[in-house]
């Protein structure tokens, strides 16, 4: 009798949202957690929140910046901080065609997507040789470890502009 009272009490607490039956998607392994991690990093990029953006990167991340080769996390951080602090960065960024391949245990994910970006330039002037709008082809590898998703590999290329 006493046991059934405790069970009813727990059910009531769950129904009223006072305790959660599981953690939020962002803090658990699996597809939903991996997708939330991708959306979180693109949101930080979109907001020019470089400290939040780089906090998602694993310290041992491998970064390939297209034809510009391999970068360290610190090198990329320094470039991006200088751009944002100088009035550049991103006016908007989004996600299109997100594809996610999960490991059998749900603790690793390979994600690919297109990221349409509208750049922000100091003074609003697009420098020669640069485009205001571009689309990145993104490939990211994520590991779920220590209770969170870490970005461990990033590769991007820029799509060619549409023919004029």
Foldseek 3Di string as FASTA:
>chain_A
DVVVVVVVVVVVCCVVVVDDPDDDLCQDFADSVVVVLVVQLQVCQFVLVLVSNLVQADQQAWEQEPPVGTDHSVVVSVVSCVQVVQFKGFPGKDWAPWDWDADPVRFKIKIWTKIKTQITHVVRDADPPGDRIWIKTKIWMWGNPPRGIHTRYIYIDIDDDDDD
